[in-house]
Every structure is written in structure tokens, then in C-alpha cells.
């Protein structure tokens, strides 16, 4: 039976499973450290599903921080026809890659 959890971090929701690698919004944690997510919205263990209102009480998801990186460059190009307006800009979003190690409820 695999345990699943839906966690909320950085304004987004992620499906976490033990052993899964996730790319999240940047977290304030060093590479190699353990990070605990307290906002667990859903826990599923085989046949039992527990939905939080808004979060599941005393549930945590623990993950090991693998690396802090920046994503590939995204090109932002603005163009207005007939007015000679062109603006090209690049953006690289910071992210944290984590590996889920444990899902538990006390």
C-alpha cells in the first residue's frame, strides 16, 4: 500500500508519495537537510482517505532537500503591431528539488 498526500507550499498544491522527487517553489533550506511540510490537505493510505478542513490535523510530510537551482530560461516577448514596440526579456525561476522520505500522522 502506498501512502499519498497532497501538500500545499508556495501557493501551489503537490501530490507527494514516498520516494517521489518534486520541484517546488524556493524553500529556505540547505541542500541535504530535512524539511517538514505541515500543510497537508489530504492523506490516503490504501482504502482510507482523510480530507482536511482545511488541513489534516497532526499530519506531516518529510522531505530531503536535494538541490537549490534555477529553471531554464523562459523568454518573455511583448509586441505591439504598427507601433514599433518590441520588448524581449528572459526569466529564470528559482526552485527547490526535494525527495519525499516519510508521510506520517501522529
PDB file of N, CA and C in Angstrom:
ATOM      1  N   UNK A   1       0.835  -1.177   0.000  1.00  0.00           N
ATOM      2  CA  UNK A   1       0.000   0.000   0.000  1.00  0.00           C
ATOM      3  C   UNK A   1       0.885   1.247   0.000  1.00  0.00           C
ATOM      4  N   UNK A   2       0.621   2.125  -0.915  1.00  0.00           N
ATOM      5  CA  UNK A   2       1.389   3.361  -0.966  1.00  0.00           C
ATOM      6  C   UNK A   2       0.615   4.477  -0.289  1.00  0.00           C
ATOM      7  N   UNK A   3       1.343   5.252   0.471  1.00  0.00           N
ATOM      8  CA  UNK A   3       0.736   6.413   1.108  1.00  0.00           C
ATOM      9  C   UNK A   3       0.848   7.590   0.164  1.00  0.00           C
ATOM     10  N   UNK A   4      -0.233   8.342   0.067  1.00  0.00           N
ATOM     11  CA  UNK A   4      -0.258   9.552  -0.747  1.00  0.00           C
ATOM     12  C   UNK A   4      -0.663  10.712   0.132  1.00  0.00           C
ATOM     13  N   UNK A   5      -0.184  11.888  -0.212  1.00  0.00           N
ATOM     14  CA  UNK A   5      -0.571  13.096   0.499  1.00  0.00           C
ATOM     15  C   UNK A   5      -0.577  14.255  -0.490  1.00  0.00           C
ATOM     16  N   UNK A   6      -1.471  15.182  -0.265  1.00  0.00           N
ATOM     17  CA  UNK A   6      -1.491  16.428  -1.038  1.00  0.00           C
ATOM     18  C   UNK A   6      -1.019  17.513  -0.086  1.00  0.00           C
ATOM     19  N   UNK A   7       0.086  18.172  -0.456  1.00  0.00           N
ATOM     20  CA  UNK A   7       0.644  19.223   0.388  1.00  0.00           C
ATOM     21  C   UNK A   7       0.494  20.564  -0.313  1.00  0.00           C
ATOM     22  N   UNK A   8       0.501  21.618   0.495  1.00  0.00           N
ATOM     23  CA  UNK A   8       0.405  22.961  -0.057  1.00  0.00           C
ATOM     24  C   UNK A   8       1.650  23.725   0.361  1.00  0.00           C
ATOM     25  N   UNK A   9       2.370  24.270  -0.617  1.00  0.00           N
ATOM     26  CA  UNK A   9       3.536  25.091  -0.349  1.00  0.00           C
ATOM     27  C   UNK A   9       3.725  26.054  -1.511  1.00  0.00           C
ATOM     28  N   UNK A  10       4.102  27.262  -1.196  1.00  0.00           N
ATOM     29  CA  UNK A  10       4.333  28.264  -2.234  1.00  0.00           C
ATOM     30  C   UNK A  10       3.088  28.633  -3.012  1.00  0.00           C
ATOM     31  N   UNK A  11       1.900  28.466  -2.401  1.00  0.00           N
ATOM     32  CA  UNK A  11       0.661  28.804  -3.084  1.00  0.00           C
ATOM     33  C   UNK A  11       0.199  27.759  -4.079  1.00  0.00           C
ATOM     34  N   UNK A  12       0.870  26.620  -4.127  1.00  0.00           N
ATOM     35  CA  UNK A  12       0.509  25.550  -5.054  1.00  0.00           C
ATOM     36  C   UNK A  12       0.296  24.258  -4.285  1.00  0.00           C
ATOM     37  N   UNK A  13      -0.372  23.306  -4.902  1.00  0.00           N
ATOM     38  CA  UNK A  13      -0.609  22.008  -4.292  1.00  0.00           C
ATOM     39  C   UNK A  13       0.165  20.945  -5.063  1.00  0.00           C
ATOM     40  N   UNK A  14       0.747  19.992  -4.322  1.00  0.00           N
ATOM     41  CA  UNK A  14       1.556  18.937  -4.918  1.00  0.00           C
ATOM     42  C   UNK A  14       1.126  17.585  -4.371  1.00  0.00           C
ATOM     43  N   UNK A  15       1.154  16.571  -5.208  1.00  0.00           N
ATOM     44  CA  UNK A  15       0.870  15.210  -4.797  1.00  0.00           C
ATOM     45  C   UNK A  15       2.183  14.570  -4.377  1.00  0.00           C
ATOM     46  N   UNK A  16       2.265  14.194  -3.102  1.00  0.00           N
ATOM     47  CA  UNK A  16       3.501  13.635  -2.559  1.00  0.00           C
ATOM     48  C   UNK A  16       3.328  12.153  -2.296  1.00  0.00           C
ATOM     49  N   UNK A  17       4.356  11.385  -2.653  1.00  0.00           N
ATOM     50  CA  UNK A  17       4.395   9.949  -2.433  1.00  0.00           C
ATOM     51  C   UNK A  17       5.812   9.627  -2.009  1.00  0.00           C
ATOM     52  N   UNK A  18       5.992   8.667  -1.106  1.00  0.00           N
ATOM     53  CA  UNK A  18       7.327   8.340  -0.612  1.00  0.00           C
ATOM     54  C   UNK A  18       8.217   7.938  -1.786  1.00  0.00           C
ATOM     55  N   UNK A  19       9.370   8.592  -1.890  1.00  0.00           N
ATOM     56  CA  UNK A  19      10.307   8.326  -2.972  1.00  0.00           C
ATOM     57  C   UNK A  19      10.161   9.248  -4.163  1.00  0.00           C
ATOM     58  N   UNK A  20       9.106  10.053  -4.196  1.00  0.00           N
ATOM     59  CA  UNK A  20       8.871  10.949  -5.330  1.00  0.00           C
ATOM     60  C   UNK A  20       9.765  12.181  -5.216  1.00  0.00           C
ATOM     61  N   UNK A  21      10.236  12.657  -6.360  1.00  0.00           N
ATOM     62  CA  UNK A  21      11.017  13.890  -6.422  1.00  0.00           C
ATOM     63  C   UNK A  21      10.113  15.002  -6.939  1.00  0.00           C
ATOM     64  N   UNK A  22      10.099  16.116  -6.217  1.00  0.00           N
ATOM     65  CA  UNK A  22       9.233  17.238  -6.569  1.00  0.00           C
ATOM     66  C   UNK A  22      10.067  18.492  -6.762  1.00  0.00           C
ATOM     67  N   UNK A  23       9.674  19.316  -7.734  1.00  0.00           N
ATOM     68  CA  UNK A  23      10.276  20.635  -7.917  1.00  0.00           C
ATOM     69  C   UNK A  23       9.283  21.650  -7.380  1.00  0.00           C
ATOM     70  N   UNK A  24       9.662  22.304  -6.274  1.00  0.00           N
ATOM     71  CA  UNK A  24       8.785  23.224  -5.567  1.00  0.00           C
ATOM     72  C   UNK A  24       9.278  24.646  -5.710  1.00  0.00           C
ATOM     73  N   UNK A  25       8.421  25.587  -5.311  1.00  0.00           N
ATOM     74  CA  UNK A  25       8.867  26.971  -5.199  1.00  0.00           C
ATOM     75  C   UNK A  25      10.002  27.005  -4.190  1.00  0.00           C
ATOM     76  N   UNK A  26      10.875  27.997  -4.300  1.00  0.00           N
ATOM     77  CA  UNK A  26      12.077  28.050  -3.480  1.00  0.00           C
ATOM     78  C   UNK A  26      11.754  28.012  -1.993  1.00  0.00           C
ATOM     79  N   UNK A  27      12.446  27.103  -1.272  1.00  0.00           N
ATOM     80  CA  UNK A  27      12.319  26.970   0.179  1.00  0.00           C
ATOM     81  C   UNK A  27      13.603  27.464   0.824  1.00  0.00           C
ATOM     82  N   UNK A  28      13.493  27.971   2.037  1.00  0.00           N
ATOM     83  CA  UNK A  28      14.673  28.407   2.784  1.00  0.00           C
ATOM     84  C   UNK A  28      15.255  27.217   3.527  1.00  0.00           C
ATOM     85  N   UNK A  29      15.963  26.362   2.811  1.00  0.00           N
ATOM     86  CA  UNK A  29      16.584  25.176   3.392  1.00  0.00           C
ATOM     87  C   UNK A  29      17.836  24.852   2.593  1.00  0.00           C
ATOM     88  N   UNK A  30      18.846  24.348   3.278  1.00  0.00           N
ATOM     89  CA  UNK A  30      20.092  23.981   2.614  1.00  0.00           C
ATOM     90  C   UNK A  30      19.981  22.594   1.998  1.00  0.00           C
ATOM     91  N   UNK A  31      20.778  22.356   0.962  1.00  0.00           N
ATOM     92  CA  UNK A  31      20.801  21.048   0.320  1.00  0.00           C
ATOM     93  C   UNK A  31      21.290  20.006   1.320  1.00  0.00           C
ATOM     94  N   UNK A  32      20.608  18.871   1.362  1.00  0.00           N
ATOM     95  CA  UNK A  32      20.961  17.798   2.281  1.00  0.00           C
ATOM     96  C   UNK A  32      20.170  17.815   3.576  1.00  0.00           C
ATOM     97  N   UNK A  33      19.448  18.889   3.843  1.00  0.00           N
ATOM     98  CA  UNK A  33      18.680  18.977   5.087  1.00  0.00           C
ATOM     99  C   UNK A  33      17.293  18.349   4.909  1.00  0.00           C
ATOM    100  N   UNK A  34      16.633  18.115   6.038  1.00  0.00           N
ATOM    101  CA  UNK A  34      15.285  17.559   6.038  1.00  0.00           C
ATOM    102  C   UNK A  34      14.303  18.705   6.267  1.00  0.00           C
ATOM    103  N   UNK A  35      13.246  18.750   5.452  1.00  0.00           N
ATOM    104  CA  UNK A  35      12.236  19.806   5.542  1.00  0.00           C
ATOM    105  C   UNK A  35      10.889  19.153   5.828  1.00  0.00           C
ATOM    106  N   UNK A  36      10.125  19.741   6.744  1.00  0.00           N
ATOM    107  CA  UNK A  36       8.815  19.198   7.101  1.00  0.00           C
ATOM    108  C   UNK A  36       7.716  20.119   6.571  1.00  0.00           C
ATOM    109  N   UNK A  37       6.743  19.535   5.888  1.00  0.00           N
ATOM    110  CA  UNK A  37       5.593  20.271   5.386  1.00  0.00           C
ATOM    111  C   UNK A  37       4.430  20.028   6.331  1.00  0.00           C
ATOM    112  N   UNK A  38       3.892  21.092   6.899  1.00  0.00           N
ATOM    113  CA  UNK A  38       2.812  20.971   7.864  1.00  0.00           C
ATOM    114  C   UNK A  38       1.432  21.107   7.263  1.00  0.00           C
ATOM    115  N   UNK A  39       1.333  21.754   6.108  1.00  0.00           N
ATOM    116  CA  UNK A  39       0.029  21.942   5.468  1.00  0.00           C
ATOM    117  C   UNK A  39      -0.291  20.741   4.583  1.00  0.00           C
ATOM    118  N   UNK A  40      -0.885  19.715   5.185  1.00  0.00           N
ATOM    119  CA  UNK A  40      -1.285  18.509   4.458  1.00  0.00           C
ATOM    120  C   UNK A  40      -2.787  18.590   4.248  1.00  0.00           C
ATOM    121  N   UNK A  41      -3.198  18.629   2.993  1.00  0.00           N
ATOM    122  CA  UNK A  41      -4.613  18.800   2.660  1.00  0.00           C
ATOM    123  C   UNK A  41      -5.359  17.481   2.555  1.00  0.00           C
ATOM    124  N   UNK A  42      -4.638  16.387   2.234  1.00  0.00           N
ATOM    125  CA  UNK A  42      -5.278  15.092   2.049  1.00  0.00           C
ATOM    126  C   UNK A  42      -4.281  13.999   2.376  1.00  0.00           C
ATOM    127  N   UNK A  43      -4.743  12.949   3.027  1.00  0.00           N
ATOM    128  CA  UNK A  43      -3.941  11.752   3.288  1.00  0.00           C
ATOM    129  C   UNK A  43      -4.691  10.548   2.750  1.00  0.00           C
ATOM    130  N   UNK A  44      -4.015   9.678   2.049  1.00  0.00           N
ATOM    131  CA  UNK A  44      -4.629   8.459   1.521  1.00  0.00           C
ATOM    132  C   UNK A  44      -3.687   7.298   1.792  1.00  0.00           C
ATOM    133  N   UNK A  45      -4.239   6.236   2.391  1.00  0.00           N
ATOM    134  CA  UNK A  45      -3.452   5.046   2.693  1.00  0.00           C
ATOM    135  C   UNK A  45      -4.282   3.826   2.317  1.00  0.00           C
ATOM    136  N   UNK A  46      -4.143   3.374   1.082  1.00  0.00           N
ATOM    137  CA  UNK A  46      -4.932   2.232   0.633  1.00  0.00           C
ATOM    138  C   UNK A  46      -6.395   2.599   0.482  1.00  0.00           C
ATOM    139  N   UNK A  47      -7.239   2.061   1.378  1.00  0.00           N
ATOM    140  CA  UNK A  47      -8.676   2.307   1.296  1.00  0.00           C
ATOM    141  C   UNK A  47      -9.118   3.505   2.124  1.00  0.00           C
ATOM    142  N   UNK A  48      -8.286   3.944   3.061  1.00  0.00           N
ATOM    143  CA  UNK A  48      -8.661   5.038   3.951  1.00  0.00           C
ATOM    144  C   UNK A  48      -8.196   6.369   3.369  1.00  0.00           C
ATOM    145  N   UNK A  49      -9.133   7.293   3.199  1.00  0.00           N
ATOM    146  CA  UNK A  49      -8.822   8.632   2.694  1.00  0.00           C
ATOM    147  C   UNK A  49      -9.290   9.641   3.733  1.00  0.00           C
ATOM    148  N   UNK A  50      -8.404  10.556   4.086  1.00  0.00           N
ATOM    149  CA  UNK A  50      -8.726  11.576   5.071  1.00  0.00           C
ATOM    150  C   UNK A  50      -8.524  12.947   4.429  1.00  0.00           C
ATOM    151  N   UNK A  51      -9.598  13.708   4.353  1.00  0.00           N
ATOM    152  CA  UNK A  51      -9.561  15.028   3.745  1.00  0.00           C
ATOM    153  C   UNK A  51      -9.612  16.062   4.854  1.00  0.00           C
ATOM    154  N   UNK A  52      -8.727  17.018   4.787  1.00  0.00           N
ATOM    155  CA  UNK A  52      -8.672  18.053   5.808  1.00  0.00           C
ATOM    156  C   UNK A  52      -9.669  19.159   5.554  1.00  0.00           C
ATOM    157  N   UNK A  53      -9.944  19.892   6.641  1.00  0.00           N
ATOM    158  CA  UNK A  53     -10.853  21.021   6.515  1.00  0.00           C
ATOM    159  C   UNK A  53     -10.297  22.207   7.285  1.00  0.00           C
ATOM    160  N   UNK A  54      -9.379  22.979   6.803  1.00  0.00           N
ATOM    161  CA  UNK A  54      -8.704  22.919   5.509  1.00  0.00           C
ATOM    162  C   UNK A  54      -7.495  21.981   5.488  1.00  0.00           C
ATOM    163  N   UNK A  55      -6.911  21.644   6.666  1.00  0.00           N
ATOM    164  CA  UNK A  55      -5.756  20.744   6.677  1.00  0.00           C
ATOM    165  C   UNK A  55      -6.040  19.560   7.594  1.00  0.00           C
ATOM    166  N   UNK A  56      -5.301  18.482   7.380  1.00  0.00           N
ATOM    167  CA  UNK A  56      -5.412  17.291   8.227  1.00  0.00           C
ATOM    168  C   UNK A  56      -4.630  17.557   9.508  1.00  0.00           C
ATOM    169  N   UNK A  57      -5.276  17.340  10.662  1.00  0.00           N
ATOM    170  CA  UNK A  57      -4.632  17.598  11.949  1.00  0.00           C
ATOM    171  C   UNK A  57      -3.497  16.614  12.207  1.00  0.00           C
ATOM    172  N   UNK A  58      -2.391  17.122  12.735  1.00  0.00           N
ATOM    173  CA  UNK A  58      -1.225  16.344  13.171  1.00  0.00           C
ATOM    174  C   UNK A  58      -0.631  15.477  12.062  1.00  0.00           C
ATOM    175  N   UNK A  59      -0.720  15.929  10.828  1.00  0.00           N
ATOM    176  CA  UNK A  59      -0.128  15.208   9.694  1.00  0.00           C
ATOM    177  C   UNK A  59       1.060  15.996   9.175  1.00  0.00           C
ATOM    178  N   UNK A  60       2.108  15.289   8.791  1.00  0.00           N
ATOM    179  CA  UNK A  60       3.318  15.922   8.270  1.00  0.00           C
ATOM    180  C   UNK A  60       3.891  15.101   7.134  1.00  0.00           C
ATOM    181  N   UNK A  61       4.546  15.791   6.234  1.00  0.00           N
ATOM    182  CA  UNK A  61       5.284  15.149   5.149  1.00  0.00           C
ATOM    183  C   UNK A  61       6.721  15.625   5.266  1.00  0.00           C
ATOM    184  N   UNK A  62       7.658  14.676   5.339  1.00  0.00           N
ATOM    185  CA  UNK A  62       9.068  14.996   5.473  1.00  0.00           C
ATOM    186  C   UNK A  62       9.773  14.722   4.149  1.00  0.00           C
ATOM    187  N   UNK A  63      10.658  15.647   3.779  1.00  0.00           N
ATOM    188  CA  UNK A  63      11.372  15.517   2.509  1.00  0.00           C
ATOM    189  C   UNK A  63      12.819  15.948   2.686  1.00  0.00           C
ATOM    190  N   UNK A  64      13.693  15.319   1.921  1.00  0.00           N
ATOM    191  CA  UNK A  64      15.106  15.674   1.919  1.00  0.00           C
ATOM    192  C   UNK A  64      15.346  16.654   0.779  1.00  0.00           C
ATOM    193  N   UNK A  65      15.988  17.774   1.083  1.00  0.00           N
ATOM    194  CA  UNK A  65      16.273  18.785   0.066  1.00  0.00           C
ATOM    195  C   UNK A  65      17.458  18.295  -0.764  1.00  0.00           C
ATOM    196  N   UNK A  66      17.241  18.125  -2.062  1.00  0.00           N
ATOM    197  CA  UNK A  66      18.301  17.630  -2.948  1.00  0.00           C
ATOM    198  C   UNK A  66      19.151  18.766  -3.499  1.00  0.00           C
ATOM    199  N   UNK A  67      18.507  19.843  -3.969  1.00  0.00           N
ATOM    200  CA  UNK A  67      19.272  20.944  -4.552  1.00  0.00           C
ATOM    201  C   UNK A  67      18.429  22.210  -4.632  1.00  0.00           C
ATOM    202  N   UNK A  68      19.129  23.328  -4.691  1.00  0.00           N
ATOM    203  CA  UNK A  68      18.537  24.643  -4.941  1.00  0.00           C
ATOM    204  C   UNK A  68      19.047  25.079  -6.309  1.00  0.00           C
ATOM    205  N   UNK A  69      18.155  25.321  -7.230  1.00  0.00           N
ATOM    206  CA  UNK A  69      18.560  25.637  -8.613  1.00  0.00           C
ATOM    207  C   UNK A  69      17.693  26.741  -9.180  1.00  0.00           C
ATOM    208  N   UNK A  70      17.990  27.064 -10.438  1.00  0.00           N
ATOM    209  CA  UNK A  70      17.155  27.953 -11.237  1.00  0.00           C
ATOM    210  C   UNK A  70      16.721  27.185 -12.480  1.00  0.00           C
ATOM    211  N   UNK A  71      15.478  27.386 -12.871  1.00  0.00           N
ATOM    212  CA  UNK A  71      14.925  26.677 -14.026  1.00  0.00           C
ATOM    213  C   UNK A  71      15.519  27.217 -15.325  1.00  0.00           C
ATOM    214  N   UNK A  72      15.206  26.558 -16.411  1.00  0.00           N
ATOM    215  CA  UNK A  72      15.658  27.023 -17.721  1.00  0.00           C
ATOM    216  C   UNK A  72      15.026  28.366 -18.030  1.00  0.00           C
ATOM    217  N   UNK A  73      15.689  29.134 -18.878  1.00  0.00           N
ATOM    218  CA  UNK A  73      15.229  30.482 -19.187  1.00  0.00           C
ATOM    219  C   UNK A  73      13.934  30.454 -20.002  1.00  0.00           C
ATOM    220  N   UNK A  74      12.990  31.270 -19.556  1.00  0.00           N
ATOM    221  CA  UNK A  74      11.738  31.473 -20.279  1.00  0.00           C
ATOM    222  C   UNK A  74      11.818  32.843 -20.948  1.00  0.00           C
ATOM    223  N   UNK A  75      11.512  32.905 -22.218  1.00  0.00           N
ATOM    224  CA  UNK A  75      11.553  34.157 -22.961  1.00  0.00           C
ATOM    225  C   UNK A  75      10.193  34.840 -22.870  1.00  0.00           C
ATOM    226  N   UNK A  76      10.218  36.105 -22.477  1.00  0.00           N
ATOM    227  CA  UNK A  76       9.008  36.920 -22.416  1.00  0.00           C
ATOM    228  C   UNK A  76       9.147  37.962 -23.523  1.00  0.00           C
ATOM    229  N   UNK A  77       8.277  37.899 -24.526  1.00  0.00           N
ATOM    230  CA  UNK A  77       8.367  38.799 -25.671  1.00  0.00           C
ATOM    231  C   UNK A  77       7.061  39.547 -25.820  1.00  0.00           C
ATOM    232  N   UNK A  78       7.145  40.875 -25.763  1.00  0.00           N
ATOM    233  CA  UNK A  78       5.966  41.711 -25.948  1.00  0.00           C
ATOM    234  C   UNK A  78       6.081  42.415 -27.295  1.00  0.00           C
ATOM    235  N   UNK A  79       4.957  42.502 -27.983  1.00  0.00           N
ATOM    236  CA  UNK A  79       4.965  43.054 -29.333  1.00  0.00           C
ATOM    237  C   UNK A  79       3.652  43.774 -29.577  1.00  0.00           C
ATOM    238  N   UNK A  80       3.741  44.998 -30.050  1.00  0.00           N
ATOM    239  CA  UNK A  80       2.562  45.742 -30.474  1.00  0.00           C
ATOM    240  C   UNK A  80       2.717  46.019 -31.969  1.00  0.00           C
ATOM    241  N   UNK A  81       1.774  45.592 -32.726  1.00  0.00           N
ATOM    242  CA  UNK A  81       1.833  45.779 -34.170  1.00  0.00           C
ATOM    243  C   UNK A  81       1.687  47.261 -34.521  1.00  0.00           C
ATOM    244  N   UNK A  82       2.369  47.688 -35.570  1.00  0.00           N
ATOM    245  CA  UNK A  82       2.261  49.020 -36.178  1.00  0.00           C
ATOM    246  C   UNK A  82       2.830  50.151 -35.326  1.00  0.00           C
ATOM    247  N   UNK A  83       3.407  49.863 -34.168  1.00  0.00           N
ATOM    248  CA  UNK A  83       3.935  50.948 -33.334  1.00  0.00           C
ATOM    249  C   UNK A  83       5.426  50.785 -33.030  1.00  0.00           C
ATOM    250  N   UNK A  84       6.053  49.834 -33.662  1.00  0.00           N
ATOM    251  CA  UNK A  84       7.476  49.553 -33.469  1.00  0.00           C
ATOM    252  C   UNK A  84       7.817  49.245 -32.017  1.00  0.00           C
ATOM    253  N   UNK A  85       6.907  48.589 -31.324  1.00  0.00           N
ATOM    254  CA  UNK A  85       7.132  48.248 -29.918  1.00  0.00           C
ATOM    255  C   UNK A  85       7.492  46.785 -29.827  1.00  0.00           C
ATOM    256  N   UNK A  86       8.713  46.511 -29.396  1.00  0.00           N
ATOM    257  CA  UNK A  86       9.175  45.145 -29.174  1.00  0.00           C
ATOM    258  C   UNK A  86      10.002  45.140 -27.893  1.00  0.00           C
ATOM    259  N   UNK A  87       9.717  44.209 -27.015  1.00  0.00           N
ATOM    260  CA  UNK A  87      10.484  44.095 -25.779  1.00  0.00           C
ATOM    261  C   UNK A  87      10.728  42.615 -25.505  1.00  0.00           C
ATOM    262  N   UNK A  88      12.001  42.262 -25.406  1.00  0.00           N
ATOM    263  CA  UNK A  88      12.373  40.875 -25.154  1.00  0.00           C
ATOM    264  C   UNK A  88      13.063  40.807 -23.795  1.00  0.00           C
ATOM    265  N   UNK A  89      12.601  39.884 -22.984  1.00  0.00           N
ATOM    266  CA  UNK A  89      13.143  39.740 -21.639  1.00  0.00           C
ATOM    267  C   UNK A  89      13.174  38.264 -21.292  1.00  0.00           C
ATOM    268  N   UNK A  90      14.141  37.847 -20.512  1.00  0.00           N
ATOM    269  CA  UNK A  90      14.233  36.468 -20.066  1.00  0.00           C
ATOM    270  C   UNK A  90      13.971  36.369 -18.572  1.00  0.00           C
ATOM    271  N   UNK A  91      13.527  35.186 -18.134  1.00  0.00           N
ATOM    272  CA  UNK A  91      13.244  34.966 -16.716  1.00  0.00           C
ATOM    273  C   UNK A  91      13.656  33.548 -16.336  1.00  0.00           C
ATOM    274  N   UNK A  92      14.349  33.414 -15.195  1.00  0.00           N
ATOM    275  CA  UNK A  92      14.706  32.102 -14.657  1.00  0.00           C
ATOM    276  C   UNK A  92      14.164  32.010 -13.237  1.00  0.00           C
ATOM    277  N   UNK A  93      13.224  31.094 -13.031  1.00  0.00           N
ATOM    278  CA  UNK A  93      12.571  30.932 -11.732  1.00  0.00           C
ATOM    279  C   UNK A  93      13.423  30.064 -10.816  1.00  0.00           C
ATOM    280  N   UNK A  94      13.565  30.479  -9.558  1.00  0.00           N
ATOM    281  CA  UNK A  94      14.255  29.674  -8.557  1.00  0.00           C
ATOM    282  C   UNK A  94      13.345  28.528  -8.125  1.00  0.00           C
ATOM    283  N   UNK A  95      13.925  27.351  -7.878  1.00  0.00           N
ATOM    284  CA  UNK A  95      13.143  26.229  -7.377  1.00  0.00           C
ATOM    285  C   UNK A  95      13.998  25.383  -6.444  1.00  0.00           C
ATOM    286  N   UNK A  96      13.323  24.547  -5.671  1.00  0.00           N
ATOM    287  CA  UNK A  96      13.976  23.602  -4.769  1.00  0.00           C
ATOM    288  C   UNK A  96      13.500  22.216  -5.148  1.00  0.00           C
ATOM    289  N   UNK A  97      14.438  21.298  -5.351  1.00  0.00           N
ATOM    290  CA  UNK A  97      14.072  19.919  -5.642  1.00  0.00           C
ATOM    291  C   UNK A  97      14.181  19.113  -4.364  1.00  0.00           C
ATOM    292  N   UNK A  98      13.099  18.397  -4.011  1.00  0.00           N
ATOM    293  CA  UNK A  98      13.066  17.606  -2.791  1.00  0.00           C
ATOM    294  C   UNK A  98      12.672  16.177  -3.128  1.00  0.00           C
ATOM    295  N   UNK A  99      13.051  15.254  -2.240  1.00  0.00           N
ATOM    296  CA  UNK A  99      12.630  13.858  -2.344  1.00  0.00           C
ATOM    297  C   UNK A  99      11.863  13.518  -1.081  1.00  0.00           C
ATOM    298  N   UNK A 100      10.621  13.069  -1.238  1.00  0.00           N
ATOM    299  CA  UNK A 100       9.764  12.754  -0.102  1.00  0.00           C
ATOM    300  C   UNK A 100      10.280  11.499   0.577  1.00  0.00           C
ATOM    301  N   UNK A 101      10.534  11.591   1.896  1.00  0.00           N
ATOM    302  CA  UNK A 101      11.084  10.456   2.635  1.00  0.00           C
ATOM    303  C   UNK A 101      10.052   9.789   3.539  1.00  0.00           C
ATOM    304  N   UNK A 102       9.116  10.583   4.103  1.00  0.00           N
ATOM    305  CA  UNK A 102       8.183   9.990   5.061  1.00  0.00           C
ATOM    306  C   UNK A 102       6.882  10.796   5.093  1.00  0.00           C
ATOM    307  N   UNK A 103       5.766  10.063   5.164  1.00  0.00           N
ATOM    308  CA  UNK A 103       4.451  10.660   5.341  1.00  0.00           C
ATOM    309  C   UNK A 103       3.872  10.053   6.616  1.00  0.00           C
ATOM    310  N   UNK A 104       3.553  10.911   7.590  1.00  0.00           N
ATOM    311  CA  UNK A 104       3.062  10.376   8.863  1.00  0.00           C
ATOM    312  C   UNK A 104       1.956  11.221   9.450  1.00  0.00           C
ATOM    313  N   UNK A 105       1.176  10.575  10.285  1.00  0.00           N
ATOM    314  CA  UNK A 105       0.139  11.236  11.073  1.00  0.00           C
ATOM    315  C   UNK A 105       0.304  10.780  12.508  1.00  0.00           C
ATOM    316  N   UNK A 106       0.416  11.727  13.426  1.00  0.00           N
ATOM    317  CA  UNK A 106       0.592  11.386  14.831  1.00  0.00           C
ATOM    318  C   UNK A 106      -0.731  11.069  15.505  1.00  0.00           C
TER     319      UNK A 106
END
